[in-house]
Each structure stands twice: as structure tokens, then as C-alpha cells.
Amino acid sequence: MPIGPRRPVFYVTVLSIGFVLGGFLSALLRRFLPASPAKDFFTWTVTPSIGPLHIDLVILHMTLGPVGLQVSLLALVGVVFAYLVARSLF
């Protein structure tokens, strides 16, 4: 196993895969679990958002947003799982 700093692309890829995996697990549990405290706990999400952002340049006018990110407990579990798998592979 190589020792030293990894490239930022590695970390961005692991985070992306983890959030997608966790989001999939969260959506799956939200659909198939019956109404219970376990469903509320595992599918609870926090959605921070930014926006709208107005950019007014001389020749270009843009509005971006709002941009939000849904983070749930299972998304964080997915990130940890993706990191452990990626660390064992690379």
C-alpha cells in the first residue's frame, strides 16, 4: 500500500460514489420500510442549499441556483463504505 498523499481526484471520486450509493440505499429504505422510528431515523435528511446566485457581468448575465445537497445517515455510511473499498483496492 503506497504511503503519502493521494490525489484530490481520488477523494472526489470516493465521495461521489459514496453519496450515490448512500442515496440509493436511503431511497430504497424510504420506499420499502414500513412507517416506524427506524424508517424515520435512517431516512432523515439534512438539505443545505445555496442560492440563487446572480452574476451580472458586462456581456453576460447569469443566475445559478438554488443548489442543494441532501445528506442522510445512509449517505455517510455509503461514503465510509466506498472509502474502505477504494482503500483496499488502491
N, C-alpha and C. Protein backbone atom coordinates (compact mmCIF):
# COMPACT_ATOMS: atom_id res chain seq x y z
N MET A 1 0.84 -1.17 0.00
CA MET A 1 0.00 0.00 0.00
C MET A 1 0.90 1.24 0.00
N PRO A 2 0.69 2.16 -0.94
CA PRO A 2 1.54 3.35 -1.00
C PRO A 2 1.25 4.30 0.15
N ILE A 3 2.32 4.87 0.67
CA ILE A 3 2.18 5.84 1.75
C ILE A 3 2.44 7.23 1.16
N GLY A 4 1.62 8.18 1.52
CA GLY A 4 1.78 9.53 1.02
C GLY A 4 0.44 10.12 0.64
N PRO A 5 0.44 11.36 0.20
CA PRO A 5 -0.83 12.00 -0.14
C PRO A 5 -1.42 11.43 -1.43
N ARG A 6 -2.70 11.29 -1.43
CA ARG A 6 -3.40 10.85 -2.64
C ARG A 6 -3.85 12.08 -3.41
N ARG A 7 -4.18 11.86 -4.63
CA ARG A 7 -4.65 12.96 -5.46
C ARG A 7 -6.07 13.35 -5.08
N PRO A 8 -6.42 14.62 -5.25
CA PRO A 8 -7.78 15.07 -4.92
C PRO A 8 -8.85 14.36 -5.74
N VAL A 9 -8.51 13.93 -6.94
CA VAL A 9 -9.49 13.23 -7.78
C VAL A 9 -9.95 11.94 -7.11
N PHE A 10 -9.03 11.27 -6.43
CA PHE A 10 -9.38 10.05 -5.70
C PHE A 10 -10.45 10.34 -4.65
N TYR A 11 -10.24 11.39 -3.86
CA TYR A 11 -11.19 11.71 -2.80
C TYR A 11 -12.54 12.18 -3.36
N VAL A 12 -12.52 12.95 -4.42
CA VAL A 12 -13.78 13.40 -5.03
C VAL A 12 -14.55 12.22 -5.61
N THR A 13 -13.83 11.29 -6.22
CA THR A 13 -14.48 10.10 -6.78
C THR A 13 -15.09 9.24 -5.67
N VAL A 14 -14.34 9.05 -4.60
CA VAL A 14 -14.84 8.24 -3.48
C VAL A 14 -16.06 8.91 -2.85
N LEU A 15 -16.00 10.23 -2.64
CA LEU A 15 -17.16 10.94 -2.10
C LEU A 15 -18.37 10.83 -3.01
N SER A 16 -18.16 10.99 -4.30
CA SER A 16 -19.28 10.91 -5.25
C SER A 16 -19.92 9.53 -5.25
N ILE A 17 -19.09 8.51 -5.32
CA ILE A 17 -19.62 7.15 -5.32
C ILE A 17 -20.33 6.85 -4.01
N GLY A 18 -19.76 7.30 -2.91
CA GLY A 18 -20.37 7.07 -1.60
C GLY A 18 -21.71 7.76 -1.45
N PHE A 19 -21.81 9.02 -1.90
CA PHE A 19 -23.08 9.72 -1.80
C PHE A 19 -24.14 9.10 -2.70
N VAL A 20 -23.75 8.64 -3.88
CA VAL A 20 -24.72 7.98 -4.77
C VAL A 20 -25.18 6.66 -4.16
N LEU A 21 -24.24 5.88 -3.64
CA LEU A 21 -24.59 4.61 -3.00
C LEU A 21 -25.48 4.84 -1.78
N GLY A 22 -25.14 5.79 -0.95
CA GLY A 22 -25.95 6.10 0.22
C GLY A 22 -27.31 6.65 -0.14
N GLY A 23 -27.37 7.47 -1.17
CA GLY A 23 -28.67 7.99 -1.62
C GLY A 23 -29.56 6.88 -2.16
N PHE A 24 -28.95 5.93 -2.86
CA PHE A 24 -29.72 4.79 -3.35
C PHE A 24 -30.26 3.96 -2.19
N LEU A 25 -29.42 3.70 -1.19
CA LEU A 25 -29.87 2.94 -0.02
C LEU A 25 -30.98 3.68 0.74
N SER A 26 -30.83 4.99 0.86
CA SER A 26 -31.85 5.78 1.55
C SER A 26 -33.18 5.74 0.80
N ALA A 27 -33.13 5.88 -0.52
CA ALA A 27 -34.36 5.82 -1.32
C ALA A 27 -35.00 4.44 -1.25
N LEU A 28 -34.16 3.41 -1.24
CA LEU A 28 -34.67 2.04 -1.15
C LEU A 28 -35.37 1.80 0.19
N LEU A 29 -34.75 2.24 1.28
CA LEU A 29 -35.39 2.07 2.59
C LEU A 29 -36.64 2.93 2.73
N ARG A 30 -36.60 4.14 2.16
CA ARG A 30 -37.77 5.02 2.23
C ARG A 30 -38.96 4.39 1.52
N ARG A 31 -38.69 3.63 0.47
CA ARG A 31 -39.78 3.01 -0.28
C ARG A 31 -40.30 1.74 0.37
N PHE A 32 -39.42 0.90 0.92
CA PHE A 32 -39.84 -0.42 1.34
C PHE A 32 -40.01 -0.62 2.84
N LEU A 33 -39.47 0.25 3.67
CA LEU A 33 -39.68 0.08 5.12
C LEU A 33 -41.06 0.57 5.53
N PRO A 34 -41.73 -0.12 6.43
CA PRO A 34 -43.00 0.39 6.93
C PRO A 34 -42.75 1.60 7.84
N ALA A 35 -43.79 2.37 8.07
CA ALA A 35 -43.68 3.55 8.92
C ALA A 35 -43.28 3.12 10.33
N SER A 36 -42.12 3.56 10.77
CA SER A 36 -41.61 3.19 12.09
C SER A 36 -40.51 4.18 12.47
N PRO A 37 -40.09 4.16 13.72
CA PRO A 37 -38.98 5.02 14.12
C PRO A 37 -37.67 4.70 13.39
N ALA A 38 -37.48 3.43 13.03
CA ALA A 38 -36.27 3.07 12.28
C ALA A 38 -36.27 3.73 10.90
N LYS A 39 -37.42 3.76 10.25
CA LYS A 39 -37.51 4.41 8.95
C LYS A 39 -37.23 5.91 9.09
N ASP A 40 -37.79 6.53 10.11
CA ASP A 40 -37.55 7.96 10.33
C ASP A 40 -36.08 8.24 10.61
N PHE A 41 -35.43 7.36 11.37
CA PHE A 41 -34.02 7.57 11.72
C PHE A 41 -33.11 7.41 10.51
N PHE A 42 -33.29 6.34 9.74
CA PHE A 42 -32.39 6.07 8.64
C PHE A 42 -32.64 6.93 7.41
N THR A 43 -33.83 7.46 7.25
CA THR A 43 -34.13 8.26 6.06
C THR A 43 -34.21 9.75 6.35
N TRP A 44 -33.84 10.17 7.56
CA TRP A 44 -33.83 11.59 7.91
C TRP A 44 -32.71 12.28 7.13
N THR A 45 -33.02 13.40 6.49
CA THR A 45 -32.02 14.09 5.67
C THR A 45 -31.89 15.55 6.09
N VAL A 46 -30.71 16.08 5.83
CA VAL A 46 -30.44 17.50 6.01
C VAL A 46 -30.14 18.04 4.62
N THR A 47 -30.77 19.15 4.25
CA THR A 47 -30.59 19.70 2.91
C THR A 47 -30.09 21.14 2.99
N PRO A 48 -28.76 21.33 3.05
CA PRO A 48 -28.26 22.70 2.96
C PRO A 48 -28.33 23.17 1.51
N SER A 49 -28.62 24.44 1.32
CA SER A 49 -28.72 24.93 -0.06
C SER A 49 -28.09 26.32 -0.15
N ILE A 50 -27.68 26.64 -1.35
CA ILE A 50 -27.10 27.94 -1.68
C ILE A 50 -27.89 28.48 -2.86
N GLY A 51 -28.26 29.72 -2.79
CA GLY A 51 -28.84 30.28 -3.99
C GLY A 51 -30.01 31.18 -3.73
N PRO A 52 -30.51 31.74 -4.74
CA PRO A 52 -29.92 31.84 -6.07
C PRO A 52 -28.76 32.85 -6.09
N LEU A 53 -27.79 32.59 -6.94
CA LEU A 53 -26.62 33.44 -7.08
C LEU A 53 -26.73 34.18 -8.40
N HIS A 54 -26.77 35.49 -8.34
CA HIS A 54 -26.89 36.32 -9.53
C HIS A 54 -25.50 36.82 -9.93
N ILE A 55 -25.13 36.57 -11.17
CA ILE A 55 -23.86 37.04 -11.71
C ILE A 55 -24.18 38.00 -12.84
N ASP A 56 -23.73 39.23 -12.68
CA ASP A 56 -24.02 40.26 -13.68
C ASP A 56 -22.71 40.84 -14.17
N LEU A 57 -22.24 40.33 -15.30
CA LEU A 57 -21.04 40.87 -15.94
C LEU A 57 -21.48 41.80 -17.06
N VAL A 58 -20.57 42.45 -17.68
CA VAL A 58 -20.94 43.42 -18.71
C VAL A 58 -21.62 42.75 -19.89
N ILE A 59 -21.10 41.63 -20.34
CA ILE A 59 -21.68 40.98 -21.52
C ILE A 59 -22.41 39.68 -21.19
N LEU A 60 -22.46 39.31 -19.92
CA LEU A 60 -23.05 38.04 -19.54
C LEU A 60 -23.85 38.21 -18.25
N HIS A 61 -25.09 37.76 -18.27
CA HIS A 61 -25.96 37.78 -17.09
C HIS A 61 -26.39 36.35 -16.82
N MET A 62 -26.13 35.88 -15.59
CA MET A 62 -26.49 34.51 -15.23
C MET A 62 -27.11 34.47 -13.85
N THR A 63 -27.97 33.48 -13.64
CA THR A 63 -28.49 33.19 -12.32
C THR A 63 -28.33 31.70 -12.08
N LEU A 64 -27.60 31.37 -11.03
CA LEU A 64 -27.38 29.97 -10.66
C LEU A 64 -28.10 29.68 -9.37
N GLY A 65 -28.78 28.56 -9.32
CA GLY A 65 -29.33 28.14 -8.04
C GLY A 65 -30.82 27.98 -8.06
N PRO A 66 -31.36 27.65 -6.97
CA PRO A 66 -30.68 27.22 -5.76
C PRO A 66 -30.06 25.84 -5.94
N VAL A 67 -28.92 25.64 -5.33
CA VAL A 67 -28.21 24.37 -5.38
C VAL A 67 -28.26 23.76 -3.99
N GLY A 68 -28.72 22.52 -3.90
CA GLY A 68 -28.85 21.86 -2.60
C GLY A 68 -28.21 20.49 -2.62
N LEU A 69 -27.90 20.01 -1.44
CA LEU A 69 -27.30 18.69 -1.28
C LEU A 69 -28.03 17.98 -0.16
N GLN A 70 -28.57 16.80 -0.46
CA GLN A 70 -29.27 16.03 0.57
C GLN A 70 -28.30 15.06 1.20
N VAL A 71 -28.10 15.21 2.50
CA VAL A 71 -27.19 14.34 3.23
C VAL A 71 -28.00 13.58 4.27
N SER A 72 -27.89 12.26 4.23
CA SER A 72 -28.58 11.42 5.20
C SER A 72 -27.57 10.53 5.90
N LEU A 73 -28.03 9.85 6.91
CA LEU A 73 -27.15 8.92 7.63
C LEU A 73 -26.64 7.83 6.70
N LEU A 74 -27.50 7.33 5.84
CA LEU A 74 -27.07 6.28 4.91
C LEU A 74 -26.11 6.81 3.85
N ALA A 75 -26.20 8.09 3.52
CA ALA A 75 -25.22 8.67 2.60
C ALA A 75 -23.84 8.69 3.24
N LEU A 76 -23.78 9.01 4.51
CA LEU A 76 -22.49 8.98 5.21
C LEU A 76 -21.96 7.56 5.34
N VAL A 77 -22.85 6.60 5.58
CA VAL A 77 -22.45 5.19 5.61
C VAL A 77 -21.92 4.77 4.24
N GLY A 78 -22.56 5.24 3.18
CA GLY A 78 -22.10 4.93 1.82
C GLY A 78 -20.73 5.51 1.54
N VAL A 79 -20.44 6.71 2.03
CA VAL A 79 -19.13 7.32 1.85
C VAL A 79 -18.06 6.51 2.58
N VAL A 80 -18.34 6.11 3.81
CA VAL A 80 -17.38 5.30 4.57
C VAL A 80 -17.14 3.96 3.88
N PHE A 81 -18.20 3.32 3.41
CA PHE A 81 -18.07 2.05 2.71
C PHE A 81 -17.26 2.20 1.43
N ALA A 82 -17.55 3.25 0.64
CA ALA A 82 -16.81 3.47 -0.61
C ALA A 82 -15.34 3.75 -0.32
N TYR A 83 -15.05 4.48 0.76
CA TYR A 83 -13.66 4.76 1.10
C TYR A 83 -12.93 3.48 1.50
N LEU A 84 -13.57 2.64 2.29
CA LEU A 84 -12.92 1.40 2.71
C LEU A 84 -12.65 0.47 1.52
N VAL A 85 -13.60 0.39 0.60
CA VAL A 85 -13.41 -0.44 -0.59
C VAL A 85 -12.31 0.14 -1.48
N ALA A 86 -12.32 1.46 -1.69
CA ALA A 86 -11.31 2.09 -2.54
C ALA A 86 -9.92 1.98 -1.91
N ARG A 87 -9.84 2.11 -0.59
CA ARG A 87 -8.54 2.00 0.08
C ARG A 87 -7.99 0.59 -0.02
N SER A 88 -8.86 -0.40 0.02
CA SER A 88 -8.37 -1.78 -0.09
C SER A 88 -7.98 -2.13 -1.53
N LEU A 89 -8.59 -1.46 -2.51
CA LEU A 89 -8.27 -1.74 -3.91
C LEU A 89 -7.03 -1.02 -4.38
N PHE A 90 -6.83 0.21 -3.90
CA PHE A 90 -5.71 1.03 -4.40
C PHE A 90 -4.68 1.17 -3.33
